[in-house]
């Protein structure tokens, strides 16, 4: 689970979203991560990139072989628990 940034905690921010695009290697690891959008600012970009970089996907199989996949998009929504 991504950590809530200290700056957001101090400012009382209770929600955020980050749209990230990346490629998935043949082995299922995300690579070439890039933030496409972050709202209301950039405070959660590092947390989103850190979380996604640890994810693993089942690779796409074509003709019996794993293949890379480009331009996967994920929108992460961060919400402060009540």
PDB file of N, CA and C in Angstrom:
ATOM      1  N   UNK A   1       0.848  -1.170   0.000  1.00  0.00           N
ATOM      2  CA  UNK A   1       0.000   0.000   0.000  1.00  0.00           C
ATOM      3  C   UNK A   1       0.901   1.243   0.000  1.00  0.00           C
ATOM      4  N   UNK A   2       0.628   2.213  -0.871  1.00  0.00           N
ATOM      5  CA  UNK A   2       1.434   3.434  -0.898  1.00  0.00           C
ATOM      6  C   UNK A   2       1.319   4.216   0.410  1.00  0.00           C
ATOM      7  N   UNK A   3       2.402   4.846   0.774  1.00  0.00           N
ATOM      8  CA  UNK A   3       2.399   5.649   1.994  1.00  0.00           C
ATOM      9  C   UNK A   3       1.803   7.026   1.720  1.00  0.00           C
ATOM     10  N   UNK A   4       1.081   7.555   2.713  1.00  0.00           N
ATOM     11  CA  UNK A   4       0.507   8.888   2.615  1.00  0.00           C
ATOM     12  C   UNK A   4       1.628   9.896   2.823  1.00  0.00           C
ATOM     13  N   UNK A   5       1.911  10.754   1.846  1.00  0.00           N
ATOM     14  CA  UNK A   5       3.014  11.707   1.981  1.00  0.00           C
ATOM     15  C   UNK A   5       2.823  12.656   3.173  1.00  0.00           C
ATOM     16  N   UNK A   6       3.910  12.922   3.877  1.00  0.00           N
ATOM     17  CA  UNK A   6       3.846  13.786   5.055  1.00  0.00           C
ATOM     18  C   UNK A   6       3.327  15.178   4.716  1.00  0.00           C
ATOM     19  N   UNK A   7       3.705  15.707   3.553  1.00  0.00           N
ATOM     20  CA  UNK A   7       3.259  17.043   3.154  1.00  0.00           C
ATOM     21  C   UNK A   7       1.732  17.078   3.026  1.00  0.00           C
ATOM     22  N   UNK A   8       1.158  16.033   2.442  1.00  0.00           N
ATOM     23  CA  UNK A   8      -0.306  15.971   2.303  1.00  0.00           C
ATOM     24  C   UNK A   8      -0.962  15.857   3.671  1.00  0.00           C
ATOM     25  N   UNK A   9      -0.341  15.108   4.559  1.00  0.00           N
ATOM     26  CA  UNK A   9      -0.860  14.971   5.928  1.00  0.00           C
ATOM     27  C   UNK A   9      -0.898  16.335   6.617  1.00  0.00           C
ATOM     28  N   UNK A  10       0.184  17.082   6.523  1.00  0.00           N
ATOM     29  CA  UNK A  10       0.253  18.406   7.168  1.00  0.00           C
ATOM     30  C   UNK A  10      -0.783  19.372   6.595  1.00  0.00           C
ATOM     31  N   UNK A  11      -1.044  19.252   5.291  1.00  0.00           N
ATOM     32  CA  UNK A  11      -1.996  20.168   4.647  1.00  0.00           C
ATOM     33  C   UNK A  11      -3.439  19.699   4.744  1.00  0.00           C
ATOM     34  N   UNK A  12      -3.677  18.548   5.355  1.00  0.00           N
ATOM     35  CA  UNK A  12      -5.038  18.056   5.534  1.00  0.00           C
ATOM     36  C   UNK A  12      -5.690  17.548   4.269  1.00  0.00           C
ATOM     37  N   UNK A  13      -4.905  17.123   3.293  1.00  0.00           N
ATOM     38  CA  UNK A  13      -5.450  16.613   2.036  1.00  0.00           C
ATOM     39  C   UNK A  13      -5.989  15.207   2.266  1.00  0.00           C
ATOM     40  N   UNK A  14      -7.242  14.947   1.840  1.00  0.00           N
ATOM     41  CA  UNK A  14      -7.860  13.655   2.115  1.00  0.00           C
ATOM     42  C   UNK A  14      -8.099  12.786   0.881  1.00  0.00           C
ATOM     43  N   UNK A  15      -7.810  13.296  -0.328  1.00  0.00           N
ATOM     44  CA  UNK A  15      -7.932  12.467  -1.528  1.00  0.00           C
ATOM     45  C   UNK A  15      -7.032  13.001  -2.632  1.00  0.00           C
ATOM     46  N   UNK A  16      -6.721  12.122  -3.563  1.00  0.00           N
ATOM     47  CA  UNK A  16      -5.812  12.450  -4.639  1.00  0.00           C
ATOM     48  C   UNK A  16      -5.933  11.383  -5.703  1.00  0.00           C
ATOM     49  N   UNK A  17      -5.582  11.681  -6.962  1.00  0.00           N
ATOM     50  CA  UNK A  17      -5.459  10.617  -7.944  1.00  0.00           C
ATOM     51  C   UNK A  17      -4.236  10.858  -8.815  1.00  0.00           C
ATOM     52  N   UNK A  18      -3.679   9.774  -9.308  1.00  0.00           N
ATOM     53  CA  UNK A  18      -2.510   9.830 -10.189  1.00  0.00           C
ATOM     54  C   UNK A  18      -2.749   8.858 -11.332  1.00  0.00           C
ATOM     55  N   UNK A  19      -2.619   9.346 -12.562  1.00  0.00           N
ATOM     56  CA  UNK A  19      -2.731   8.510 -13.753  1.00  0.00           C
ATOM     57  C   UNK A  19      -1.318   8.187 -14.233  1.00  0.00           C
ATOM     58  N   UNK A  20      -0.998   6.899 -14.300  1.00  0.00           N
ATOM     59  CA  UNK A  20       0.346   6.459 -14.669  1.00  0.00           C
ATOM     60  C   UNK A  20       0.250   5.572 -15.908  1.00  0.00           C
ATOM     61  N   UNK A  21       1.187   5.762 -16.823  1.00  0.00           N
ATOM     62  CA  UNK A  21       1.303   4.905 -17.999  1.00  0.00           C
ATOM     63  C   UNK A  21       2.646   4.194 -17.920  1.00  0.00           C
ATOM     64  N   UNK A  22       2.679   2.939 -18.354  1.00  0.00           N
ATOM     65  CA  UNK A  22       3.917   2.175 -18.301  1.00  0.00           C
ATOM     66  C   UNK A  22       3.843   1.016 -19.276  1.00  0.00           C
ATOM     67  N   UNK A  23       4.978   0.382 -19.485  1.00  0.00           N
ATOM     68  CA  UNK A  23       5.061  -0.814 -20.302  1.00  0.00           C
ATOM     69  C   UNK A  23       5.216  -2.001 -19.356  1.00  0.00           C
ATOM     70  N   UNK A  24       4.835  -3.178 -19.815  1.00  0.00           N
ATOM     71  CA  UNK A  24       5.002  -4.395 -19.028  1.00  0.00           C
ATOM     72  C   UNK A  24       5.961  -5.306 -19.784  1.00  0.00           C
ATOM     73  N   UNK A  25       7.051  -5.683 -19.132  1.00  0.00           N
ATOM     74  CA  UNK A  25       8.063  -6.551 -19.739  1.00  0.00           C
ATOM     75  C   UNK A  25       7.523  -7.966 -19.906  1.00  0.00           C
ATOM     76  N   UNK A  26       8.220  -8.766 -20.677  1.00  0.00           N
ATOM     77  CA  UNK A  26       7.822 -10.150 -20.925  1.00  0.00           C
ATOM     78  C   UNK A  26       7.645 -10.932 -19.623  1.00  0.00           C
ATOM     79  N   UNK A  27       8.417 -10.617 -18.607  1.00  0.00           N
ATOM     80  CA  UNK A  27       8.342 -11.307 -17.318  1.00  0.00           C
ATOM     81  C   UNK A  27       7.260 -10.739 -16.403  1.00  0.00           C
ATOM     82  N   UNK A  28       6.578  -9.673 -16.825  1.00  0.00           N
ATOM     83  CA  UNK A  28       5.479  -9.112 -16.054  1.00  0.00           C
ATOM     84  C   UNK A  28       5.812  -7.899 -15.217  1.00  0.00           C
ATOM     85  N   UNK A  29       7.052  -7.441 -15.262  1.00  0.00           N
ATOM     86  CA  UNK A  29       7.453  -6.280 -14.456  1.00  0.00           C
ATOM     87  C   UNK A  29       7.140  -4.970 -15.185  1.00  0.00           C
ATOM     88  N   UNK A  30       6.569  -3.978 -14.468  1.00  0.00           N
ATOM     89  CA  UNK A  30       6.353  -2.659 -15.075  1.00  0.00           C
ATOM     90  C   UNK A  30       7.691  -1.981 -15.360  1.00  0.00           C
ATOM     91  N   UNK A  31       7.755  -1.238 -16.436  1.00  0.00           N
ATOM     92  CA  UNK A  31       8.971  -0.488 -16.781  1.00  0.00           C
ATOM     93  C   UNK A  31       8.569   0.790 -17.504  1.00  0.00           C
ATOM     94  N   UNK A  32       9.486   1.728 -17.572  1.00  0.00           N
ATOM     95  CA  UNK A  32       9.238   3.010 -18.248  1.00  0.00           C
ATOM     96  C   UNK A  32       8.008   3.717 -17.689  1.00  0.00           C
ATOM     97  N   UNK A  33       7.895   3.775 -16.377  1.00  0.00           N
ATOM     98  CA  UNK A  33       6.750   4.419 -15.740  1.00  0.00           C
ATOM     99  C   UNK A  33       6.794   5.926 -15.955  1.00  0.00           C
ATOM    100  N   UNK A  34       5.622   6.497 -16.231  1.00  0.00           N
ATOM    101  CA  UNK A  34       5.525   7.942 -16.409  1.00  0.00           C
ATOM    102  C   UNK A  34       4.160   8.421 -15.922  1.00  0.00           C
ATOM    103  N   UNK A  35       4.182   9.527 -15.207  1.00  0.00           N
ATOM    104  CA  UNK A  35       2.943  10.126 -14.707  1.00  0.00           C
ATOM    105  C   UNK A  35       2.339  10.958 -15.827  1.00  0.00           C
ATOM    106  N   UNK A  36       1.083  10.690 -16.149  1.00  0.00           N
ATOM    107  CA  UNK A  36       0.383  11.463 -17.166  1.00  0.00           C
ATOM    108  C   UNK A  36      -0.427  12.594 -16.556  1.00  0.00           C
ATOM    109  N   UNK A  37      -0.943  12.351 -15.343  1.00  0.00           N
ATOM    110  CA  UNK A  37      -1.780  13.352 -14.692  1.00  0.00           C
ATOM    111  C   UNK A  37      -1.773  13.107 -13.189  1.00  0.00           C
ATOM    112  N   UNK A  38      -1.844  14.181 -12.435  1.00  0.00           N
ATOM    113  CA  UNK A  38      -1.901  14.079 -10.983  1.00  0.00           C
ATOM    114  C   UNK A  38      -2.732  15.239 -10.467  1.00  0.00           C
ATOM    115  N   UNK A  39      -3.721  14.930  -9.633  1.00  0.00           N
ATOM    116  CA  UNK A  39      -4.612  15.986  -9.170  1.00  0.00           C
ATOM    117  C   UNK A  39      -4.948  15.781  -7.700  1.00  0.00           C
ATOM    118  N   UNK A  40      -4.861  16.819  -6.907  1.00  0.00           N
ATOM    119  CA  UNK A  40      -4.760  18.215  -7.292  1.00  0.00           C
ATOM    120  C   UNK A  40      -3.341  18.729  -7.461  1.00  0.00           C
ATOM    121  N   UNK A  41      -2.314  17.913  -7.375  1.00  0.00           N
ATOM    122  CA  UNK A  41      -0.930  18.350  -7.562  1.00  0.00           C
ATOM    123  C   UNK A  41      -0.025  17.139  -7.655  1.00  0.00           C
ATOM    124  N   UNK A  42       1.247  17.317  -7.348  1.00  0.00           N
ATOM    125  CA  UNK A  42       2.231  16.255  -7.555  1.00  0.00           C
ATOM    126  C   UNK A  42       2.622  15.492  -6.291  1.00  0.00           C
ATOM    127  N   UNK A  43       1.981  15.732  -5.165  1.00  0.00           N
ATOM    128  CA  UNK A  43       2.412  15.152  -3.896  1.00  0.00           C
ATOM    129  C   UNK A  43       2.414  13.632  -3.881  1.00  0.00           C
ATOM    130  N   UNK A  44       1.561  12.973  -4.654  1.00  0.00           N
ATOM    131  CA  UNK A  44       1.448  11.525  -4.599  1.00  0.00           C
ATOM    132  C   UNK A  44       2.129  10.814  -5.763  1.00  0.00           C
ATOM    133  N   UNK A  45       2.785  11.547  -6.623  1.00  0.00           N
ATOM    134  CA  UNK A  45       3.420  10.914  -7.784  1.00  0.00           C
ATOM    135  C   UNK A  45       4.453   9.879  -7.372  1.00  0.00           C
ATOM    136  N   UNK A  46       5.339  10.220  -6.450  1.00  0.00           N
ATOM    137  CA  UNK A  46       6.369   9.267  -6.021  1.00  0.00           C
ATOM    138  C   UNK A  46       5.750   8.030  -5.387  1.00  0.00           C
ATOM    139  N   UNK A  47       4.714   8.204  -4.569  1.00  0.00           N
ATOM    140  CA  UNK A  47       4.054   7.072  -3.923  1.00  0.00           C
ATOM    141  C   UNK A  47       3.413   6.164  -4.977  1.00  0.00           C
ATOM    142  N   UNK A  48       2.799   6.753  -5.991  1.00  0.00           N
ATOM    143  CA  UNK A  48       2.168   5.959  -7.048  1.00  0.00           C
ATOM    144  C   UNK A  48       3.213   5.187  -7.846  1.00  0.00           C
ATOM    145  N   UNK A  49       4.284   5.854  -8.238  1.00  0.00           N
ATOM    146  CA  UNK A  49       5.339   5.196  -9.013  1.00  0.00           C
ATOM    147  C   UNK A  49       5.991   4.080  -8.212  1.00  0.00           C
ATOM    148  N   UNK A  50       6.215   4.324  -6.930  1.00  0.00           N
ATOM    149  CA  UNK A  50       6.818   3.321  -6.063  1.00  0.00           C
ATOM    150  C   UNK A  50       5.913   2.088  -5.940  1.00  0.00           C
ATOM    151  N   UNK A  51       4.622   2.306  -5.763  1.00  0.00           N
ATOM    152  CA  UNK A  51       3.680   1.196  -5.634  1.00  0.00           C
ATOM    153  C   UNK A  51       3.632   0.374  -6.919  1.00  0.00           C
ATOM    154  N   UNK A  52       3.469   1.030  -8.054  1.00  0.00           N
ATOM    155  CA  UNK A  52       3.335   0.322  -9.327  1.00  0.00           C
ATOM    156  C   UNK A  52       4.619  -0.410  -9.695  1.00  0.00           C
ATOM    157  N   UNK A  53       5.758   0.147  -9.359  1.00  0.00           N
ATOM    158  CA  UNK A  53       7.018  -0.512  -9.714  1.00  0.00           C
ATOM    159  C   UNK A  53       7.167  -1.862  -9.018  1.00  0.00           C
ATOM    160  N   UNK A  54       6.446  -2.088  -7.934  1.00  0.00           N
ATOM    161  CA  UNK A  54       6.494  -3.365  -7.238  1.00  0.00           C
ATOM    162  C   UNK A  54       5.448  -4.373  -7.709  1.00  0.00           C
ATOM    163  N   UNK A  55       4.559  -3.957  -8.587  1.00  0.00           N
ATOM    164  CA  UNK A  55       3.516  -4.847  -9.085  1.00  0.00           C
ATOM    165  C   UNK A  55       4.102  -5.834 -10.095  1.00  0.00           C
ATOM    166  N   UNK A  56       3.430  -6.958 -10.273  1.00  0.00           N
ATOM    167  CA  UNK A  56       3.788  -7.927 -11.307  1.00  0.00           C
ATOM    168  C   UNK A  56       2.519  -8.366 -12.020  1.00  0.00           C
ATOM    169  N   UNK A  57       2.622  -8.450 -13.324  1.00  0.00           N
ATOM    170  CA  UNK A  57       1.499  -8.844 -14.171  1.00  0.00           C
ATOM    171  C   UNK A  57       1.772 -10.210 -14.781  1.00  0.00           C
ATOM    172  N   UNK A  58       0.709 -10.926 -15.072  1.00  0.00           N
ATOM    173  CA  UNK A  58       0.839 -12.137 -15.873  1.00  0.00           C
ATOM    174  C   UNK A  58       1.081 -11.668 -17.300  1.00  0.00           C
ATOM    175  N   UNK A  59       2.136 -12.140 -17.939  1.00  0.00           N
ATOM    176  CA  UNK A  59       2.440 -11.635 -19.284  1.00  0.00           C
ATOM    177  C   UNK A  59       1.404 -12.087 -20.309  1.00  0.00           C
ATOM    178  N   UNK A  60       1.306 -11.313 -21.361  1.00  0.00           N
ATOM    179  CA  UNK A  60       0.487 -11.679 -22.509  1.00  0.00           C
ATOM    180  C   UNK A  60       1.219 -12.813 -23.230  1.00  0.00           C
ATOM    181  N   UNK A  61       0.497 -13.839 -23.615  1.00  0.00           N
ATOM    182  CA  UNK A  61       1.104 -14.971 -24.311  1.00  0.00           C
ATOM    183  C   UNK A  61       0.648 -14.967 -25.762  1.00  0.00           C
ATOM    184  N   UNK A  62       1.603 -14.980 -26.673  1.00  0.00           N
ATOM    185  CA  UNK A  62       1.322 -15.060 -28.110  1.00  0.00           C
ATOM    186  C   UNK A  62       2.159 -16.193 -28.686  1.00  0.00           C
ATOM    187  N   UNK A  63       1.513 -17.076 -29.390  1.00  0.00           N
ATOM    188  CA  UNK A  63       2.196 -18.231 -29.981  1.00  0.00           C
ATOM    189  C   UNK A  63       3.013 -18.982 -28.933  1.00  0.00           C
ATOM    190  N   UNK A  64       2.463 -19.058 -27.724  1.00  0.00           N
ATOM    191  CA  UNK A  64       3.112 -19.805 -26.658  1.00  0.00           C
ATOM    192  C   UNK A  64       4.255 -19.089 -25.965  1.00  0.00           C
ATOM    193  N   UNK A  65       4.509 -17.826 -26.325  1.00  0.00           N
ATOM    194  CA  UNK A  65       5.627 -17.072 -25.751  1.00  0.00           C
ATOM    195  C   UNK A  65       5.133 -15.803 -25.071  1.00  0.00           C
ATOM    196  N   UNK A  66       5.727 -15.449 -23.921  1.00  0.00           N
ATOM    197  CA  UNK A  66       5.348 -14.179 -23.286  1.00  0.00           C
ATOM    198  C   UNK A  66       5.853 -13.008 -24.119  1.00  0.00           C
ATOM    199  N   UNK A  67       5.037 -11.967 -24.220  1.00  0.00           N
ATOM    200  CA  UNK A  67       5.427 -10.766 -24.969  1.00  0.00           C
ATOM    201  C   UNK A  67       5.202  -9.529 -24.107  1.00  0.00           C
ATOM    202  N   UNK A  68       5.969  -8.504 -24.397  1.00  0.00           N
ATOM    203  CA  UNK A  68       5.834  -7.232 -23.685  1.00  0.00           C
ATOM    204  C   UNK A  68       4.548  -6.539 -24.118  1.00  0.00           C
ATOM    205  N   UNK A  69       4.067  -5.674 -23.263  1.00  0.00           N
ATOM    206  CA  UNK A  69       2.876  -4.884 -23.583  1.00  0.00           C
ATOM    207  C   UNK A  69       3.195  -3.425 -23.309  1.00  0.00           C
ATOM    208  N   UNK A  70       2.889  -2.558 -24.243  1.00  0.00           N
ATOM    209  CA  UNK A  70       3.185  -1.133 -24.116  1.00  0.00           C
ATOM    210  C   UNK A  70       1.939  -0.335 -23.760  1.00  0.00           C
ATOM    211  N   UNK A  71       2.172   0.811 -23.144  1.00  0.00           N
ATOM    212  CA  UNK A  71       1.143   1.815 -22.889  1.00  0.00           C
ATOM    213  C   UNK A  71      -0.028   1.329 -22.036  1.00  0.00           C
ATOM    214  N   UNK A  72       0.294   0.650 -20.948  1.00  0.00           N
ATOM    215  CA  UNK A  72      -0.722   0.255 -19.974  1.00  0.00           C
ATOM    216  C   UNK A  72      -0.993   1.475 -19.106  1.00  0.00           C
ATOM    217  N   UNK A  73      -2.243   1.760 -18.817  1.00  0.00           N
ATOM    218  CA  UNK A  73      -2.595   2.910 -17.975  1.00  0.00           C
ATOM    219  C   UNK A  73      -3.342   2.460 -16.734  1.00  0.00           C
ATOM    220  N   UNK A  74      -2.962   3.066 -15.614  1.00  0.00           N
ATOM    221  CA  UNK A  74      -3.616   2.792 -14.335  1.00  0.00           C
ATOM    222  C   UNK A  74      -3.855   4.125 -13.644  1.00  0.00           C
ATOM    223  N   UNK A  75      -5.061   4.278 -13.135  1.00  0.00           N
ATOM    224  CA  UNK A  75      -5.400   5.482 -12.359  1.00  0.00           C
ATOM    225  C   UNK A  75      -5.514   5.054 -10.901  1.00  0.00           C
ATOM    226  N   UNK A  76      -4.633   5.582 -10.073  1.00  0.00           N
ATOM    227  CA  UNK A  76      -4.663   5.286  -8.647  1.00  0.00           C
ATOM    228  C   UNK A  76      -5.387   6.407  -7.921  1.00  0.00           C
ATOM    229  N   UNK A  77      -6.295   6.021  -7.065  1.00  0.00           N
ATOM    230  CA  UNK A  77      -7.010   7.000  -6.244  1.00  0.00           C
ATOM    231  C   UNK A  77      -6.584   6.795  -4.796  1.00  0.00           C
ATOM    232  N   UNK A  78      -6.081   7.841  -4.201  1.00  0.00           N
ATOM    233  CA  UNK A  78      -5.660   7.822  -2.814  1.00  0.00           C
ATOM    234  C   UNK A  78      -6.760   8.481  -1.989  1.00  0.00           C
ATOM    235  N   UNK A  79      -7.207   7.809  -0.960  1.00  0.00           N
ATOM    236  CA  UNK A  79      -8.203   8.387  -0.050  1.00  0.00           C
ATOM    237  C   UNK A  79      -7.745   8.150   1.375  1.00  0.00           C
ATOM    238  N   UNK A  80      -7.910   9.160   2.175  1.00  0.00           N
ATOM    239  CA  UNK A  80      -7.581   9.065   3.601  1.00  0.00           C
ATOM    240  C   UNK A  80      -8.696   8.336   4.302  1.00  0.00           C
ATOM    241  N   UNK A  81      -8.354   7.328   5.093  1.00  0.00           N
ATOM    242  CA  UNK A  81      -9.382   6.602   5.842  1.00  0.00           C
ATOM    243  C   UNK A  81      -9.947   7.492   6.918  1.00  0.00           C
ATOM    244  N   UNK A  82     -11.246   7.348   7.145  1.00  0.00           N
ATOM    245  CA  UNK A  82     -11.923   8.169   8.143  1.00  0.00           C
ATOM    246  C   UNK A  82     -11.590   7.714   9.551  1.00  0.00           C
TER     247      UNK A  82
END
